[in-house]
Protein backbone atom coordinates (compact mmCIF):
# COMPACT_ATOMS: atom_id res chain seq x y z
CA UNK A 1 -11.83 30.81 20.54
CA UNK A 2 -8.88 33.21 20.96
CA UNK A 3 -10.26 36.65 21.76
CA UNK A 4 -7.79 38.42 19.45
CA UNK A 5 -8.76 36.24 16.52
CA UNK A 6 -12.43 36.78 17.26
CA UNK A 7 -11.89 40.53 17.32
CA UNK A 8 -10.12 40.41 13.98
CA UNK A 9 -13.00 38.69 12.27
CA UNK A 10 -15.80 40.66 13.90
CA UNK A 11 -15.58 43.44 11.38
CA UNK A 12 -17.36 46.80 11.54
CA UNK A 13 -20.03 45.91 9.01
CA UNK A 14 -22.06 42.83 9.81
CA UNK A 15 -24.55 41.92 7.11
CA UNK A 16 -27.09 39.22 7.81
CA UNK A 17 -27.09 36.80 4.92
CA UNK A 18 -30.25 36.00 2.98
CA UNK A 19 -30.92 32.31 3.36
CA UNK A 20 -33.07 30.60 0.76
CA UNK A 21 -34.59 27.21 1.30
CA UNK A 22 -34.70 24.60 -1.44
CA UNK A 23 -38.26 25.68 -2.20
CA UNK A 24 -37.16 29.31 -2.70
CA UNK A 25 -38.92 30.79 0.36
CA UNK A 26 -37.17 32.85 3.02
CA UNK A 27 -35.95 30.68 5.86
CA UNK A 28 -35.55 31.31 9.53
CA UNK A 29 -33.08 31.83 11.09
CA UNK A 30 -29.95 32.54 9.04
CA UNK A 31 -27.36 29.77 9.27
CA UNK A 32 -24.50 31.81 7.84
CA UNK A 33 -23.79 35.50 8.31
CA UNK A 34 -21.41 37.33 6.02
CA UNK A 35 -18.99 39.48 7.98
CA UNK A 36 -16.56 40.75 5.37
CA UNK A 37 -15.61 40.81 1.72
CA UNK A 38 -11.83 41.15 1.46
CA UNK A 39 -10.79 42.27 -2.06
CA UNK A 40 -8.06 40.31 -3.84
CA UNK A 41 -7.23 43.01 -6.39
CA UNK A 42 -6.60 42.23 -10.05
CA UNK A 43 -7.35 38.52 -10.12
CA UNK A 44 -8.56 36.98 -13.37
CA UNK A 45 -9.72 33.46 -14.05
CA UNK A 46 -9.92 30.54 -11.69
CA UNK A 47 -9.18 30.64 -8.00
CA UNK A 48 -8.34 27.27 -6.51
CA UNK A 49 -7.75 26.04 -2.97
CA UNK A 50 -6.75 27.84 0.25
CA UNK A 51 -4.82 27.25 3.47
CA UNK A 52 -4.32 29.15 6.74
CA UNK A 53 -1.42 30.13 8.98
CA UNK A 54 -3.15 30.60 12.33
CA UNK A 55 -0.10 31.91 14.15
CA UNK A 56 0.32 34.81 11.72
CA UNK A 57 -3.42 35.04 11.01
CA UNK A 58 -3.02 34.76 7.26
CA UNK A 59 -4.91 32.93 4.52
CA UNK A 60 -3.20 31.69 1.35
CA UNK A 61 -5.18 31.74 -1.89
CA UNK A 62 -4.10 29.79 -4.99
CA UNK A 63 -4.72 32.06 -7.99
CA UNK A 64 -4.55 29.34 -10.62
CA UNK A 65 -5.40 31.70 -13.47
CA UNK A 66 -2.70 34.19 -12.46
CA UNK A 67 0.16 31.78 -11.63
CA UNK A 68 0.52 33.12 -8.11
CA UNK A 69 -0.58 32.76 -4.49
CA UNK A 70 -2.07 35.69 -2.55
CA UNK A 71 -1.34 36.13 1.14
CA UNK A 72 -4.28 37.75 2.94
CA UNK A 73 -3.71 39.26 6.38
CA UNK A 74 -6.82 38.81 8.53
CA UNK A 75 -6.00 41.71 10.83
CA UNK A 76 -5.37 44.20 8.04
CA UNK A 77 -8.12 42.67 5.90
CA UNK A 78 -6.07 42.92 2.72
CA UNK A 79 -3.56 41.19 0.48
CA UNK A 80 -0.10 41.81 1.96
CA UNK A 81 2.02 39.67 -0.34
CA UNK A 82 1.92 37.71 -3.59
CA UNK A 83 4.06 34.71 -4.44
CA UNK A 84 4.63 34.90 -8.18
CA UNK A 85 6.31 32.82 -10.88
CA UNK A 86 4.20 29.72 -10.21
CA UNK A 87 2.66 27.39 -12.79
CA UNK A 88 -1.09 27.00 -12.27
CA UNK A 89 -1.05 26.63 -8.46
CA UNK A 90 -3.84 24.32 -7.30
CA UNK A 91 -3.27 22.89 -3.82
CA UNK A 92 -1.73 24.77 -0.90
CA UNK A 93 -0.83 23.56 2.56
CA UNK A 94 0.77 25.30 5.51
CA UNK A 95 2.78 23.20 8.00
CA UNK A 96 3.12 24.99 11.37
CA UNK A 97 5.85 22.67 12.70
CA UNK A 98 8.30 23.80 10.02
CA UNK A 99 6.63 27.16 9.28
CA UNK A 100 6.53 26.40 5.58
CA UNK A 101 3.95 26.88 2.84
CA UNK A 102 3.72 24.13 0.22
CA UNK A 103 2.26 24.91 -3.22
CA UNK A 104 1.32 22.21 -5.74
CA UNK A 105 1.53 23.40 -9.35
CA UNK A 106 -0.65 21.79 -11.99
CA UNK A 107 1.23 23.43 -14.86
CA UNK A 108 4.64 21.85 -14.27
CA UNK A 109 3.89 19.16 -11.67
CA UNK A 110 6.12 20.70 -9.01
CA UNK A 111 5.66 21.20 -5.28
CA UNK A 112 7.39 24.37 -4.15
CA UNK A 113 8.24 25.36 -0.58
CA UNK A 114 8.14 28.88 0.86
CA UNK A 115 9.25 30.11 4.27
CA UNK A 116 6.34 31.28 6.40
CA UNK A 117 8.31 34.24 7.75
CA UNK A 118 9.04 36.01 4.46
CA UNK A 119 7.69 33.67 1.70
CA UNK A 120 11.11 33.22 0.15
CA UNK A 121 11.33 30.02 -1.89
CA UNK A 122 13.10 27.27 0.05
CA UNK A 123 13.06 24.46 -2.50
CA UNK A 124 10.97 22.36 -4.83
CA UNK A 125 10.25 18.77 -5.81
CA UNK A 126 9.31 17.76 -9.36
CA UNK A 127 6.51 15.19 -9.36
CA UNK A 128 6.04 14.97 -13.12
CA UNK A 129 2.56 16.26 -13.98
CA UNK A 130 -0.55 17.98 -12.61
CA UNK A 131 0.32 18.36 -8.92
CA UNK A 132 -2.99 19.02 -7.20
CA UNK A 133 -4.42 18.56 -3.69
CA UNK A 134 -2.20 18.74 -0.59
CA UNK A 135 -2.80 17.08 2.80
CA UNK A 136 -0.74 16.82 6.01
CA UNK A 137 -0.82 13.82 8.35
CA UNK A 138 -1.74 14.18 12.01
CA UNK A 139 1.86 13.86 13.15
CA UNK A 140 2.70 16.92 11.06
CA UNK A 141 5.62 15.13 9.44
CA UNK A 142 4.45 13.75 6.10
CA UNK A 143 2.77 15.72 3.34
CA UNK A 144 0.70 13.92 0.69
CA UNK A 145 0.24 15.42 -2.79
CA UNK A 146 -2.01 14.05 -5.53
CA UNK A 147 -0.57 14.20 -9.03
CA UNK A 148 -0.28 12.76 -12.52
CA UNK A 149 -2.25 9.90 -14.01
CA UNK A 150 -2.73 8.30 -10.63
CA UNK A 151 -0.56 8.69 -7.54
CA UNK A 152 -0.02 10.31 -4.16
CA UNK A 153 3.49 11.49 -3.43
CA UNK A 154 4.71 11.35 0.17
CA UNK A 155 7.01 14.19 1.28
CA UNK A 156 8.90 14.32 4.59
CA UNK A 157 8.51 17.96 5.63
CA UNK A 158 11.35 17.80 8.15
CA UNK A 159 13.77 17.08 5.30
CA UNK A 160 11.70 18.38 2.36
CA UNK A 161 12.35 15.16 0.54
CA UNK A 162 10.07 12.81 -1.34
CA UNK A 163 10.07 9.50 0.53
CA UNK A 164 7.32 7.50 -1.11
CA UNK A 165 4.60 7.05 -3.67
CA UNK A 166 1.18 5.36 -3.64
CA UNK A 167 -0.27 4.32 -6.99
CA UNK A 168 -3.89 4.83 -8.07
CA UNK A 169 -5.92 3.90 -11.14
CA UNK A 170 -6.26 7.51 -12.37
CA UNK A 171 -5.68 11.11 -11.32
CA UNK A 172 -6.72 11.75 -7.69
CA UNK A 173 -8.99 14.64 -6.85
CA UNK A 174 -9.80 15.48 -3.22
CA UNK A 175 -8.53 12.98 -0.66
CA UNK A 176 -8.59 12.81 3.13
CA UNK A 177 -6.39 11.16 5.73
CA UNK A 178 -8.17 9.38 8.55
CA UNK A 179 -7.13 10.94 11.89
CA UNK A 180 -7.80 7.69 13.76
CA UNK A 181 -5.90 5.13 11.66
CA UNK A 182 -3.65 4.70 8.60
CA UNK A 183 -6.35 4.91 5.93
CA UNK A 184 -6.49 7.47 3.11
CA UNK A 185 -9.74 7.93 1.18
CA UNK A 186 -9.29 9.21 -2.38
CA UNK A 187 -11.77 10.44 -4.98
CA UNK A 188 -10.77 8.97 -8.35
CA UNK A 189 -13.51 10.22 -10.68
CA UNK A 190 -12.06 8.84 -13.92
CA UNK A 191 -12.12 5.35 -12.39
CA UNK A 192 -15.55 6.14 -10.91
CA UNK A 193 -14.43 5.04 -7.47
CA UNK A 194 -13.36 6.03 -4.00
CA UNK A 195 -10.03 4.33 -3.35
CA UNK A 196 -9.04 3.30 0.17
CA UNK A 197 -5.29 3.30 0.79
CA UNK A 198 -3.08 2.14 3.66
CA UNK A 199 -0.35 4.62 4.57
CA UNK A 200 1.81 2.01 6.27
CA UNK A 201 1.94 -0.40 3.30
CA UNK A 202 1.52 2.27 0.58
CA UNK A 203 -1.08 0.02 -1.08
CA UNK A 204 -4.71 0.32 -2.12
CA UNK A 205 -6.83 -1.94 0.07
CA UNK A 206 -10.34 -1.32 -1.27
CA UNK A 207 -12.23 0.16 -4.21
CA UNK A 208 -15.73 1.54 -3.72
CA UNK A 209 -17.46 1.73 -7.08
CA UNK A 210 -19.60 4.83 -7.58
CA UNK A 211 -22.88 4.78 -9.52
CA UNK A 212 -22.53 8.53 -10.14
CA UNK A 213 -19.69 10.48 -11.74
CA UNK A 214 -17.64 13.56 -11.01
CA UNK A 215 -16.77 12.86 -7.37
CA UNK A 216 -14.38 15.76 -6.78
CA UNK A 217 -14.83 17.22 -3.22
CA UNK A 218 -14.43 14.99 -0.15
CA UNK A 219 -14.63 15.36 3.63
CA UNK A 220 -14.46 12.98 6.60
CA UNK A 221 -16.66 12.78 9.65
CA UNK A 222 -14.31 10.77 11.84
CA UNK A 223 -16.62 10.71 14.86
CA UNK A 224 -19.45 9.13 12.87
CA UNK A 225 -16.99 7.16 10.69
CA UNK A 226 -18.36 8.49 7.43
CA UNK A 227 -16.86 9.58 4.13
CA UNK A 228 -18.62 12.42 2.30
CA UNK A 229 -18.18 12.91 -1.45
CA UNK A 230 -19.95 15.39 -3.69
CA UNK A 231 -20.76 14.38 -7.27
CA UNK A 232 -21.21 16.71 -10.23
CA UNK A 233 -23.24 14.43 -12.50
CA UNK A 234 -25.82 14.49 -11.13
CA UNK A 235 -25.24 17.04 -8.34
CA UNK A 236 -25.49 14.92 -5.21
CA UNK A 237 -23.97 14.67 -1.74
CA UNK A 238 -23.07 11.05 -1.08
CA UNK A 239 -22.37 9.76 2.43
CA UNK A 240 -20.65 6.39 2.91
CA UNK A 241 -19.74 4.23 5.87
CA UNK A 242 -15.99 4.49 6.40
CA UNK A 243 -15.58 0.81 7.23
CA UNK A 244 -17.38 -0.73 4.26
CA UNK A 245 -18.32 2.02 1.78
CA UNK A 246 -22.03 1.34 2.12
CA UNK A 247 -24.33 4.23 1.21
CA UNK A 248 -25.68 6.07 4.25
CA UNK A 249 -27.31 8.98 2.41
CA UNK A 250 -27.54 10.43 -1.09
CA UNK A 251 -29.19 13.84 -1.42
CA UNK A 252 -29.44 16.60 -4.00
CA UNK A 253 -27.06 19.56 -3.71
CA UNK A 254 -25.90 22.59 -5.71
CA UNK A 255 -23.98 22.19 -8.97
CA UNK A 256 -20.26 22.27 -9.82
CA UNK A 257 -19.06 21.66 -6.25
CA UNK A 258 -15.34 21.74 -5.47
CA UNK A 259 -15.21 21.81 -1.65
CA UNK A 260 -17.17 20.19 1.18
CA UNK A 261 -16.63 20.52 4.94
CA UNK A 262 -17.98 18.99 8.13
CA UNK A 263 -18.84 21.40 10.95
CA UNK A 264 -18.54 18.96 13.86
CA UNK A 265 -19.59 21.57 16.40
CA UNK A 266 -23.02 22.07 14.80
CA UNK A 267 -23.46 18.69 13.07
CA UNK A 268 -23.58 20.41 9.71
CA UNK A 269 -22.09 20.05 6.25
CA UNK A 270 -21.15 22.93 3.93
CA UNK A 271 -20.91 22.41 0.16
CA UNK A 272 -19.33 25.19 -1.95
CA UNK A 273 -20.54 25.24 -5.56
CA UNK A 274 -19.52 26.95 -8.78
CA UNK A 275 -23.20 27.29 -9.60
CA UNK A 276 -23.09 30.25 -7.21
CA UNK A 277 -24.14 28.96 -3.81
CA UNK A 278 -23.18 27.30 -0.56
CA UNK A 279 -25.54 24.51 0.50
CA UNK A 280 -25.94 23.69 4.19
CA UNK A 281 -27.03 20.30 5.47
CA UNK A 282 -28.18 19.47 8.98
CA UNK A 283 -27.07 16.03 10.14
CA UNK A 284 -29.34 13.95 12.35
CA UNK A 285 -28.18 10.35 12.52
CA UNK A 286 -28.37 8.97 8.98
CA UNK A 287 -30.50 11.92 7.81
CA UNK A 288 -28.78 14.71 5.86
CA UNK A 289 -31.32 17.49 5.33
CA UNK A 290 -30.55 20.50 3.16
CA UNK A 291 -31.57 23.42 5.37
CA UNK A 292 -30.23 26.42 3.46
CA UNK A 293 -28.98 27.57 0.07
CA UNK A 294 -26.73 30.64 0.41
CA UNK A 295 -26.23 32.64 -2.81
CA UNK A 296 -22.65 33.60 -3.70
CA UNK A 297 -21.30 34.24 -7.23
CA UNK A 298 -21.05 31.96 -10.25
CA UNK A 299 -17.66 30.26 -10.28
CA UNK A 300 -17.14 30.57 -6.49
CA UNK A 301 -16.63 26.87 -5.95
CA UNK A 302 -13.63 26.76 -3.60
CA UNK A 303 -13.80 27.46 0.11
CA UNK A 304 -12.03 26.87 3.41
CA UNK A 305 -13.68 26.06 6.73
CA UNK A 306 -11.47 27.07 9.67
CA UNK A 307 -12.80 25.44 12.87
CA UNK A 308 -10.29 27.30 15.05
CA UNK A 309 -11.79 30.62 13.88
CA UNK A 310 -15.30 29.24 13.39
CA UNK A 311 -15.43 30.76 9.90
CA UNK A 312 -16.19 29.62 6.38
CA UNK A 313 -14.16 31.47 3.71
CA UNK A 314 -15.43 31.41 0.12
CA UNK A 315 -13.14 32.42 -2.77
CA UNK A 316 -15.17 34.54 -5.17
CA UNK A 317 -13.76 35.06 -8.65
CA UNK A 318 -14.34 38.32 -10.54
CA UNK A 319 -17.69 38.28 -12.33
CA UNK A 320 -19.48 41.29 -13.81
CA UNK A 321 -19.43 44.09 -11.26
CA UNK A 322 -18.33 41.70 -8.48
CA UNK A 323 -14.54 41.91 -7.94
CA UNK A 324 -12.46 38.93 -6.88
CA UNK A 325 -12.59 38.66 -3.11
CA UNK A 326 -12.75 36.41 -0.08
CA UNK A 327 -16.14 36.27 1.61
CA UNK A 328 -15.98 35.51 5.32
CA UNK A 329 -19.05 33.80 6.77
CA UNK A 330 -19.82 33.15 10.44
CA UNK A 331 -22.03 30.11 11.10
CA UNK A 332 -25.03 30.80 13.29
CA UNK A 333 -26.18 29.96 15.82
C-alpha cells in the first residue's frame, strides 16, 4: 500500500472495535478496527452509494435525501465540497481515465457528469426514470447504469454518449461485470431472479430463479467463480456458481442489507446492513462462516470497500445523538 495513503488513514485515535459473535459473546480477535468517524455535517435522510478518487484521495457520498453529493477529503478528514442541485442521487462512479465523476439520479432518471478537478458539471444524459447503480468495465471505457422498469444503459465515457441498452424483466438493483469475460450478473428482485447478460450481444443469456426475495446487494468472487447476493426476505447471504447458478452456500446474515464486498486478500465477505451492523464471513472452500457481527447504527446500510487502501467505509446516517458520518474500518489481521 502507498505509504502516504496509509499515513492518511492511520488517524490519531485508534479505537478497537467490539466484535460480537452470532451467539452474543465477545469474540477474539477483532476483525475490524474503527479508525475514524468523519462528520458529514447537516445530512438528513438516506445516504446511498459511494465511490473513490484514489489520485486525489477523495470519497464521494450520494446524499439521496439531500439531493447532493458530498466530497470527503481523506487527508483533511472533512467534507471539502458539495455538488448540489441533484435529484435523489443514488449511484456514483469515478472514472480515472477521464477524471470524471458520474452521478445517477433516481428522481429524474439522469446521469450527470462532473469534472474531477473542480466538480463543475460537464454534461448529462437523460435515461428516463430511476437511474440507480453505476459500474465501469475493466477497459475503463464503458459505463453501465441500471434504470427504469428494466434496463442497463451503456455510456461511452470517452465521448460521454449513450451507445447502447440491455433490456431486463424489471428494475435492476446491484449488478456486477465479470472481469474475466463479457458476462454481467444483475439482481432483478421484482422478477425474483439473477439475470446473466452478455455485453457483446447486449442480450440476456440466462435467468437464475431465486427461492428468496429482496436480492439487492451483489458481489463477485472472480477467482472462485462465484456470485454473491444478499436477500432481505429472509435475511440470507446466497452464494452461486458463476457458470451455472447452482447454490454453493446459503447462510443467515443481518437485516436490510444494501452492500456486500469480497475481501480477496483475507478470503472474507463483508455485508453492510440497515439493521445496524456489518456481518463478516470467513470463506473456506464452500463454507461461509459468519465470524463477527460489528454494531454500527440503524439505517447504515451502504458501504464501500477500497482494496487499494485496505479500508471498509460505512455511511452512517444521522440517528439520535449520532451525527451523519463516514466510519472508516481497518480489517485485521
